[in-house]
Amino acid sequence: MTHSLSVIQLLLFYIIVIHFIAVPSQGPSSITVSSKTASSIDINWTAVPQRHANGIIIGYKVLYQQADIYESPKVIKVSSQALGAKISGLHGFTRYTIRVRS
């Protein structure tokens, strides 16, 4: 006995898969530093506008690393309701690259 999927079943599968793997067409914006110490900073951002979400935003990732050294970025994960994060363990007088992704 052979099993075959109809064109409609394949199309529905395709739509479901695309829906779950779609990414926002625009990331978080207006990233600002709200406070800082010698070893940490608090950052805030504006949420991805609903029209650019392309689905449900399930969270944000804050990626940071020293600016002049090649290394894998450290990652802080926060919920979709959080519009900010604290980055700790930083070194004074050191430049960092910080990105926020949804």
C-alpha atoms as a PDB file:
ATOM      1  CA  MET A   1       0.000   0.000   0.000  1.00  0.00           C
ATOM      2  CA  THR A   2       1.457   3.362  -0.968  1.00  0.00           C
ATOM      3  CA  HIS A   3       0.670   6.592   0.749  1.00  0.00           C
ATOM      4  CA  SER A   4       0.696   9.847  -1.097  1.00  0.00           C
ATOM      5  CA  LEU A   5      -0.153  13.317  -0.004  1.00  0.00           C
ATOM      6  CA  SER A   6      -2.564  15.397  -1.978  1.00  0.00           C
ATOM      7  CA  VAL A   7      -1.583  18.786  -3.297  1.00  0.00           C
ATOM      8  CA  ILE A   8      -3.841  20.401  -0.679  1.00  0.00           C
ATOM      9  CA  GLN A   9      -2.157  18.483   2.163  1.00  0.00           C
ATOM     10  CA  LEU A  10       1.277  19.523   0.904  1.00  0.00           C
ATOM     11  CA  LEU A  11       0.162  23.131   0.568  1.00  0.00           C
ATOM     12  CA  LEU A  12      -1.212  23.171   4.114  1.00  0.00           C
ATOM     13  CA  PHE A  13       2.013  21.652   5.433  1.00  0.00           C
ATOM     14  CA  TYR A  14       4.030  24.301   3.562  1.00  0.00           C
ATOM     15  CA  ILE A  15       1.897  27.137   4.972  1.00  0.00           C
ATOM     16  CA  ILE A  16       2.230  25.807   8.525  1.00  0.00           C
ATOM     17  CA  VAL A  17       6.014  25.401   8.255  1.00  0.00           C
ATOM     18  CA  ILE A  18       6.488  28.857   6.741  1.00  0.00           C
ATOM     19  CA  HIS A  19       4.307  30.404   9.447  1.00  0.00           C
ATOM     20  CA  PHE A  20       6.465  28.942  12.214  1.00  0.00           C
ATOM     21  CA  ILE A  21       9.825  29.793  10.685  1.00  0.00           C
ATOM     22  CA  ALA A  22       8.994  33.317   9.495  1.00  0.00           C
ATOM     23  CA  VAL A  23      11.180  35.999  10.996  1.00  0.00           C
ATOM     24  CA  PRO A  24      10.324  39.637  11.601  1.00  0.00           C
ATOM     25  CA  SER A  25      10.986  41.963   8.690  1.00  0.00           C
ATOM     26  CA  GLN A  26      12.235  44.601  11.138  1.00  0.00           C
ATOM     27  CA  GLY A  27      14.101  44.192  14.399  1.00  0.00           C
ATOM     28  CA  PRO A  28      13.747  46.039  17.695  1.00  0.00           C
ATOM     29  CA  SER A  29      14.648  49.719  17.466  1.00  0.00           C
ATOM     30  CA  SER A  30      15.686  52.690  19.608  1.00  0.00           C
ATOM     31  CA  ILE A  31      18.209  50.724  21.653  1.00  0.00           C
ATOM     32  CA  THR A  32      19.346  52.913  24.534  1.00  0.00           C
ATOM     33  CA  VAL A  33      21.450  52.616  27.676  1.00  0.00           C
ATOM     34  CA  SER A  34      19.397  53.520  30.743  1.00  0.00           C
ATOM     35  CA  SER A  35      22.097  53.050  33.392  1.00  0.00           C
ATOM     36  CA  LYS A  36      25.661  51.835  33.660  1.00  0.00           C
ATOM     37  CA  THR A  37      28.301  50.889  36.203  1.00  0.00           C
ATOM     38  CA  ALA A  38      31.925  49.842  35.786  1.00  0.00           C
ATOM     39  CA  SER A  39      30.846  46.257  35.098  1.00  0.00           C
ATOM     40  CA  SER A  40      27.255  46.365  33.816  1.00  0.00           C
ATOM     41  CA  ILE A  41      24.765  48.293  31.721  1.00  0.00           C
ATOM     42  CA  ASP A  42      20.994  48.285  31.434  1.00  0.00           C
ATOM     43  CA  ILE A  43      19.662  48.579  27.896  1.00  0.00           C
ATOM     44  CA  ASN A  44      16.132  49.178  26.617  1.00  0.00           C
ATOM     45  CA  TRP A  45      14.539  48.968  23.188  1.00  0.00           C
ATOM     46  CA  THR A  46      11.273  49.492  21.360  1.00  0.00           C
ATOM     47  CA  ALA A  47       9.307  46.378  20.415  1.00  0.00           C
ATOM     48  CA  VAL A  48       9.027  45.143  16.842  1.00  0.00           C
ATOM     49  CA  PRO A  49       5.911  46.787  15.343  1.00  0.00           C
ATOM     50  CA  GLN A  50       3.103  44.250  14.896  1.00  0.00           C
ATOM     51  CA  ARG A  51       2.959  44.857  11.140  1.00  0.00           C
ATOM     52  CA  HIS A  52       6.610  43.703  10.890  1.00  0.00           C
ATOM     53  CA  ALA A  53       6.370  40.742  13.292  1.00  0.00           C
ATOM     54  CA  ASN A  54       5.299  38.196  10.631  1.00  0.00           C
ATOM     55  CA  GLY A  55       3.841  36.061  13.396  1.00  0.00           C
ATOM     56  CA  ILE A  56       4.214  35.982  17.158  1.00  0.00           C
ATOM     57  CA  ILE A  57       7.384  37.356  18.747  1.00  0.00           C
ATOM     58  CA  ILE A  58       8.339  34.783  21.386  1.00  0.00           C
ATOM     59  CA  GLY A  59      11.340  36.606  22.805  1.00  0.00           C
ATOM     60  CA  TYR A  60      14.422  38.727  22.281  1.00  0.00           C
ATOM     61  CA  LYS A  61      18.109  37.867  22.268  1.00  0.00           C
ATOM     62  CA  VAL A  62      20.732  40.353  23.399  1.00  0.00           C
ATOM     63  CA  LEU A  63      24.087  39.483  21.844  1.00  0.00           C
ATOM     64  CA  TYR A  64      27.229  41.198  23.086  1.00  0.00           C
ATOM     65  CA  GLN A  65      30.982  40.839  22.719  1.00  0.00           C
ATOM     66  CA  GLN A  66      34.144  42.878  23.002  1.00  0.00           C
ATOM     67  CA  ALA A  67      34.424  45.065  19.921  1.00  0.00           C
ATOM     68  CA  ASP A  68      38.097  44.481  19.100  1.00  0.00           C
ATOM     69  CA  ILE A  69      38.364  40.757  19.842  1.00  0.00           C
ATOM     70  CA  TYR A  70      36.970  37.991  17.664  1.00  0.00           C
ATOM     71  CA  GLU A  71      34.866  35.762  19.863  1.00  0.00           C
ATOM     72  CA  SER A  72      31.426  34.246  19.818  1.00  0.00           C
ATOM     73  CA  PRO A  73      28.929  36.682  21.304  1.00  0.00           C
ATOM     74  CA  LYS A  74      27.433  36.020  24.691  1.00  0.00           C
ATOM     75  CA  VAL A  75      23.631  35.739  24.603  1.00  0.00           C
ATOM     76  CA  ILE A  76      20.950  36.883  27.030  1.00  0.00           C
ATOM     77  CA  LYS A  77      17.431  35.641  26.271  1.00  0.00           C
ATOM     78  CA  VAL A  78      14.410  37.596  27.486  1.00  0.00           C
ATOM     79  CA  SER A  79      10.668  37.209  26.978  1.00  0.00           C
ATOM     80  CA  SER A  80       8.707  39.114  24.369  1.00  0.00           C
ATOM     81  CA  GLN A  81       7.185  41.291  27.109  1.00  0.00           C
ATOM     82  CA  ALA A  82      10.634  42.418  28.312  1.00  0.00           C
ATOM     83  CA  LEU A  83      11.852  45.502  26.512  1.00  0.00           C
ATOM     84  CA  GLY A  84      15.177  45.664  28.297  1.00  0.00           C
ATOM     85  CA  ALA A  85      17.998  43.645  29.821  1.00  0.00           C
ATOM     86  CA  LYS A  86      20.970  43.971  32.154  1.00  0.00           C
ATOM     87  CA  ILE A  87      24.371  42.990  30.777  1.00  0.00           C
ATOM     88  CA  SER A  88      26.755  42.106  33.594  1.00  0.00           C
ATOM     89  CA  GLY A  89      30.363  40.985  33.837  1.00  0.00           C
ATOM     90  CA  LEU A  90      31.717  43.735  31.590  1.00  0.00           C
ATOM     91  CA  HIS A  91      35.257  45.125  31.834  1.00  0.00           C
ATOM     92  CA  GLY A  92      35.902  48.838  32.361  1.00  0.00           C
ATOM     93  CA  PHE A  93      37.459  50.899  29.564  1.00  0.00           C
ATOM     94  CA  THR A  94      36.466  48.246  27.009  1.00  0.00           C
ATOM     95  CA  ARG A  95      34.316  48.736  23.911  1.00  0.00           C
ATOM     96  CA  TYR A  96      31.500  46.266  23.272  1.00  0.00           C
ATOM     97  CA  THR A  97      29.267  45.494  20.328  1.00  0.00           C
ATOM     98  CA  ILE A  98      25.658  44.950  21.422  1.00  0.00           C
ATOM     99  CA  ARG A  99      22.804  43.719  19.213  1.00  0.00           C
ATOM    100  CA  VAL A 100      19.175  42.948  19.985  1.00  0.00           C
ATOM    101  CA  ARG A 101      17.295  40.412  17.868  1.00  0.00           C
ATOM    102  CA  SER A 102      13.747  39.190  17.940  1.00  0.00           C
END
